[in-house]
Protein backbone atom coordinates (compact mmCIF):
# COMPACT_ATOMS: atom_id res chain seq x y z
CA MET A 1 93.62 178.79 135.92
CA PHE A 2 93.09 180.82 132.71
CA GLY A 3 95.28 183.69 131.64
CA ARG A 4 94.27 186.86 129.75
CA GLU A 5 94.04 185.04 126.61
CA LYS A 6 91.89 182.32 128.17
CA ILE A 7 94.77 179.90 127.93
CA GLU A 8 94.44 177.01 130.38
CA TYR A 9 97.61 176.47 132.40
CA LYS A 10 98.17 173.17 133.85
CA THR A 11 99.72 172.06 137.12
CA PRO A 12 102.35 169.26 137.15
CA GLU A 13 99.73 166.80 138.41
CA GLN A 14 97.43 167.69 135.61
CA VAL A 15 100.26 167.26 133.09
CA SER A 16 100.82 163.80 134.61
CA CYS A 17 97.16 162.93 133.86
CA MET A 18 97.59 164.21 130.27
CA ARG A 19 100.88 161.96 129.94
CA ARG A 20 98.62 158.91 130.78
CA ALA A 21 96.29 159.89 127.87
CA GLY A 22 99.35 160.56 125.71
CA LEU A 23 100.69 157.15 126.05
CA VAL A 24 97.41 155.69 125.07
CA VAL A 25 97.54 157.74 121.94
CA ALA A 26 101.10 156.62 121.33
CA ALA A 27 100.14 153.01 121.76
CA ALA A 28 97.13 153.31 119.43
CA LEU A 29 99.13 154.95 116.64
CA ARG A 30 101.88 152.41 116.84
CA ALA A 31 99.40 149.59 116.66
CA VAL A 32 97.72 151.19 113.59
CA GLU A 33 100.97 151.60 111.74
CA ASP A 34 102.10 148.02 112.56
CA ALA A 35 98.77 146.77 111.30
CA ALA A 36 98.48 148.67 108.21
CA ALA A 37 98.76 146.53 105.10
CA ALA A 38 97.46 146.26 101.54
CA GLY A 39 94.05 144.83 101.48
CA LEU A 40 92.81 146.26 104.80
CA THR A 41 90.28 149.04 104.84
CA THR A 42 90.68 152.39 106.58
CA ALA A 43 87.74 151.15 108.86
CA ASP A 44 90.06 148.25 109.84
CA LEU A 45 92.74 150.68 111.00
CA ASP A 46 89.95 152.54 112.98
CA ALA A 47 88.91 149.36 114.68
CA VAL A 48 92.75 148.68 115.81
CA ALA A 49 92.91 152.05 117.38
CA ALA A 50 89.56 151.66 119.10
CA ALA A 51 90.67 148.44 120.65
CA VAL A 52 93.71 149.88 122.08
CA ILE A 53 91.96 152.85 123.60
CA ALA A 54 89.18 150.62 125.04
CA ASP A 55 91.72 148.16 126.39
CA ALA A 56 93.50 151.10 128.16
CA GLY A 57 90.31 152.32 129.82
CA ALA A 58 90.39 155.53 127.92
CA THR A 59 87.94 157.41 125.80
CA ALA A 60 88.34 158.36 122.16
CA SER A 61 88.43 162.23 121.69
CA PHE A 62 87.23 162.14 118.24
CA LEU A 63 84.32 159.86 118.24
CA GLY A 64 81.29 162.04 118.28
CA TYR A 65 83.24 165.18 118.30
CA GLU A 66 80.98 167.63 116.30
CA GLY A 67 79.48 164.49 114.91
CA PHE A 68 82.76 162.73 113.69
CA PRO A 69 81.70 159.09 113.33
CA ALA A 70 85.03 157.27 114.09
CA THR A 71 87.80 156.83 116.57
CA VAL A 72 90.71 158.16 114.42
CA CYS A 73 91.07 160.12 111.33
CA VAL A 74 92.57 158.19 108.44
CA SER A 75 93.64 160.38 105.48
CA VAL A 76 95.02 158.79 102.31
CA ASN A 77 97.22 160.33 99.56
CA ASP A 78 95.78 163.68 98.72
CA ALA A 79 93.71 163.90 101.96
CA VAL A 80 95.34 166.22 104.31
CA ILE A 81 93.43 165.61 107.60
CA HIS A 82 89.96 164.58 109.02
CA GLY A 83 89.56 161.54 106.66
CA ILE A 84 86.61 159.32 107.83
CA PRO A 85 87.42 155.63 107.99
CA GLY A 86 85.35 153.49 105.85
CA GLY A 87 85.42 150.92 102.97
CA ARG A 88 88.47 152.26 101.18
CA VAL A 89 90.86 149.47 100.68
CA LEU A 90 94.57 150.29 101.11
CA VAL A 91 97.09 149.45 98.55
CA ASP A 92 100.91 149.33 98.65
CA GLY A 93 102.31 152.77 98.09
CA ASP A 94 99.30 154.58 99.74
CA LEU A 95 100.52 157.54 101.90
CA VAL A 96 98.38 157.37 105.07
CA SER A 97 98.13 159.94 107.81
CA VAL A 98 96.51 158.83 111.17
CA ASP A 99 95.30 161.39 113.77
CA CYS A 100 94.26 160.14 117.13
CA GLY A 101 93.11 161.62 120.45
CA ALA A 102 92.32 159.92 123.70
CA ILE A 103 90.91 161.06 127.27
CA VAL A 104 91.96 159.73 130.58
CA ASP A 105 90.16 161.15 133.72
CA GLY A 106 88.86 164.19 131.71
CA TRP A 107 92.29 165.11 130.01
CA HIS A 108 93.05 164.93 126.38
CA ALA A 109 96.08 164.08 124.29
CA ASP A 110 96.31 164.38 120.52
CA ALA A 111 98.92 163.08 118.04
CA ALA A 112 99.25 162.23 114.39
CA VAL A 113 101.70 160.01 112.16
CA SER A 114 102.31 159.50 108.38
CA PHE A 115 103.57 156.40 106.76
CA VAL A 116 103.41 154.51 103.54
CA VAL A 117 101.58 151.17 103.24
CA GLY A 118 104.10 148.54 102.38
CA GLY A 119 107.01 150.45 103.75
CA GLU A 120 109.95 152.10 101.87
CA ALA A 121 110.13 149.25 99.22
CA ALA A 122 106.60 150.24 98.16
CA ALA A 123 106.97 153.95 98.56
CA ASP A 124 107.48 156.74 96.01
CA PRO A 125 110.76 158.36 97.21
CA ARG A 126 109.01 161.81 96.98
CA ASP A 127 106.50 160.63 99.53
CA LEU A 128 109.24 159.41 101.81
CA ALA A 129 111.02 162.74 101.55
CA LEU A 130 107.73 164.53 102.33
CA ILE A 131 107.07 162.45 105.35
CA ARG A 132 110.65 163.13 106.63
CA ALA A 133 110.36 166.79 105.96
CA THR A 134 107.06 167.16 107.83
CA ASP A 135 108.31 165.05 110.78
CA ASP A 136 111.52 167.06 110.99
CA ALA A 137 109.45 170.32 110.94
CA LEU A 138 107.30 168.99 113.72
CA TRP A 139 110.38 168.46 115.97
CA ALA A 140 111.98 171.72 114.94
CA GLY A 141 108.68 173.49 116.14
CA VAL A 142 108.74 171.41 119.43
CA ALA A 143 112.39 172.31 120.07
CA ALA A 144 111.55 176.02 119.59
CA LEU A 145 109.23 175.95 122.65
CA ALA A 146 112.32 175.36 124.71
CA SER A 147 113.93 178.56 123.84
CA GLY A 148 111.39 180.87 122.21
CA GLU A 149 109.56 183.75 123.88
CA ARG A 150 106.33 183.69 122.00
CA LEU A 151 104.46 181.09 119.81
CA SER A 152 105.82 182.82 116.68
CA ALA A 153 109.06 180.77 117.41
CA VAL A 154 107.19 177.55 116.70
CA ALA A 155 105.74 178.87 113.31
CA ASN A 156 109.13 180.38 112.36
CA ALA A 157 110.90 177.06 113.07
CA VAL A 158 108.45 174.90 111.17
CA ASP A 159 108.51 177.20 108.21
CA ASP A 160 112.25 177.38 108.15
CA SER A 161 112.68 173.54 108.42
CA ILE A 162 110.15 173.01 105.49
CA THR A 163 112.01 175.75 103.46
CA GLU A 164 115.35 173.94 104.06
CA ALA A 165 113.79 170.53 103.26
CA ALA A 166 112.42 171.73 99.92
CA GLU A 167 115.85 173.00 98.93
CA ARG A 168 117.58 169.85 100.00
CA ASP A 169 115.10 167.60 98.34
CA GLY A 170 114.59 169.73 95.19
CA ALA A 171 110.87 169.65 95.94
CA ARG A 172 107.93 172.04 96.24
CA TYR A 173 106.23 171.87 99.66
CA GLY A 174 103.26 173.59 100.70
CA ILE A 175 102.57 174.40 104.34
CA VAL A 176 98.80 174.14 104.87
CA GLU A 177 97.61 177.32 106.53
CA ASP A 178 93.84 176.71 106.81
CA TYR A 179 94.43 174.33 109.84
CA VAL A 180 96.82 174.80 112.69
CA GLY A 181 97.91 173.39 116.04
CA HIS A 182 96.11 174.34 119.19
CA GLY A 183 96.14 174.35 122.88
CA ILE A 184 94.81 171.17 124.66
CA GLY A 185 93.81 169.88 128.05
CA THR A 186 90.32 169.52 129.55
CA ALA A 187 89.11 169.94 125.90
CA MET A 188 90.86 168.77 122.74
CA HIS A 189 90.81 172.18 121.15
CA GLN A 190 91.70 175.20 123.27
CA PRO A 191 93.47 178.59 122.83
CA PRO A 192 95.99 179.41 121.72
CA ASP A 193 96.42 178.68 118.05
CA VAL A 194 99.82 177.33 117.05
CA LEU A 195 100.76 178.37 113.46
CA ASN A 196 103.10 176.49 111.24
CA TYR A 197 103.98 179.42 109.06
CA ARG A 198 105.58 182.82 109.23
CA THR A 199 103.23 185.88 109.94
CA ARG A 200 103.57 189.21 111.66
CA GLU A 201 101.79 187.84 114.65
CA ARG A 202 103.92 187.17 117.64
CA GLY A 203 101.46 184.87 119.37
CA ALA A 204 100.93 184.06 122.86
CA LYS A 205 103.85 184.22 125.37
CA ILE A 206 105.40 180.78 126.06
CA ARG A 207 104.85 179.95 129.75
CA PRO A 208 105.18 176.93 132.04
CA GLY A 209 101.79 175.14 132.30
CA MET A 210 100.94 175.42 128.60
CA CYS A 211 100.22 172.28 126.82
CA LEU A 212 100.10 172.59 123.03
CA ALA A 213 99.40 170.41 120.05
CA VAL A 214 102.01 171.19 117.45
CA GLU A 215 100.98 169.77 114.07
CA PRO A 216 102.39 170.73 110.63
CA MET A 217 100.41 169.57 107.68
CA VAL A 218 102.58 169.81 104.19
CA THR A 219 101.79 168.95 100.73
CA ARG A 220 103.99 168.06 97.75
CA GLY A 221 102.45 171.02 95.99
CA ASP A 222 100.27 174.08 96.84
CA GLN A 223 99.12 174.73 100.26
CA LEU A 224 95.52 175.42 99.35
CA THR A 225 92.85 172.76 100.41
CA HIS A 226 89.11 172.25 100.25
CA VAL A 227 86.68 170.19 102.23
CA CYS A 228 84.87 167.19 100.47
CA GLU A 229 81.18 166.45 100.40
CA ASP A 230 81.32 164.42 103.56
CA ASP A 231 81.93 167.65 105.31
CA TRP A 232 85.02 166.32 106.96
CA THR A 233 87.76 165.07 104.73
CA VAL A 234 90.16 167.98 103.84
CA VAL A 235 92.21 167.39 100.64
CA SER A 236 94.77 169.24 98.69
CA SER A 237 93.24 171.49 96.07
CA ASP A 238 95.75 170.56 93.47
CA GLY A 239 95.58 166.79 94.10
CA SER A 240 99.09 166.55 95.66
CA ARG A 241 99.83 164.18 98.40
CA ALA A 242 100.10 165.38 101.96
CA ALA A 243 101.74 164.32 105.34
CA HIS A 244 100.75 165.25 108.89
CA TRP A 245 102.62 164.78 112.07
CA GLU A 246 101.60 165.99 115.49
CA HIS A 247 102.54 165.74 119.27
CA THR A 248 101.05 167.04 122.47
CA VAL A 249 103.77 169.01 124.32
CA ALA A 250 103.78 170.26 127.92
CA ILE A 251 105.92 173.19 128.99
CA LEU A 252 107.24 172.73 132.53
CA GLU A 253 109.25 174.93 134.80
CA ASP A 254 112.31 172.85 134.02
CA GLY A 255 111.78 171.97 130.33
CA LEU A 256 109.58 170.25 127.88
CA TRP A 257 107.69 166.91 127.95
CA VAL A 258 106.33 165.44 124.77
CA LEU A 259 103.30 163.64 126.21
CA THR A 260 102.42 161.65 123.12
CA ALA A 261 106.07 160.37 122.46
CA GLU A 262 106.85 157.09 124.20
CA ASP A 263 110.29 158.44 125.44
CA GLY A 264 108.80 161.87 126.23
CA GLY A 265 110.68 163.23 123.17
CA ALA A 266 114.04 162.62 124.59
CA ALA A 267 115.82 161.22 121.55
CA ARG A 268 114.57 163.53 118.98
CA LEU A 269 114.89 166.61 121.09
CA ALA A 270 118.49 165.55 122.20
CA ALA A 271 119.48 165.47 118.56
CA LEU A 272 118.42 169.17 118.46
CA GLY A 273 120.24 170.13 121.61
CA VAL A 274 117.18 170.17 123.76
CA GLU A 275 116.69 168.03 126.97
CA ILE A 276 113.35 167.10 128.16
CA ALA A 277 112.08 167.85 131.77
CA PRO A 278 113.41 165.45 134.50
CA VAL A 279 109.95 163.93 135.12
């Protein structure tokens, strides 16, 4: 059913369908990260994800969405989101963000990861710090859903986490404001918006049945972005590198369930003092 703000609230059975899609997304992202290596193209990574989704009998959320031509978004270095896979050859040290969505029985799930090609040995330590800061901010935002009254709690938690990380790392981090998280369910993008930065807006009331994509996007510089000539790829305006992490989260009567995390989010949330729903 739909509330006043046209938010789609899911039944536990519908959330279980979304969990199946979430596990497909998790498997696809894991396969892409495992396969990523210098010498491969971003199109090669797209093919890895496409094979996992097809083998699972699922459908890619992104392929054909408003004309998007690929299964996943692969954004490299200063590309924040929506990078179109193609002939770009990866090299050791590239910071890669991969965003993936899948549909099972009409229900969507959506998640993103960031990593460095070649692993820590090939990485700029500043990129590793950015990746860690963005991932931590994601989980801070997810954890806020357990105790917050309105979605501003997520925005505040993400903002505070990035501020603390910048102080810890002696770095400048910019939280991208032009793009935010969203509701998800029978469509990939639904109300409500899920902000990653503090505003005066309180946001929608957090209620059981909500399913949300929480997704901070953070740069090593300014938060400003622009869209490239391909009409899709979003890059940082100052050329700074960017990271993007995302999970699809269900809010149930008895707790949270991170639908795109293999363990349902148990390990990361436990470290933050939050238990997942006993599903």
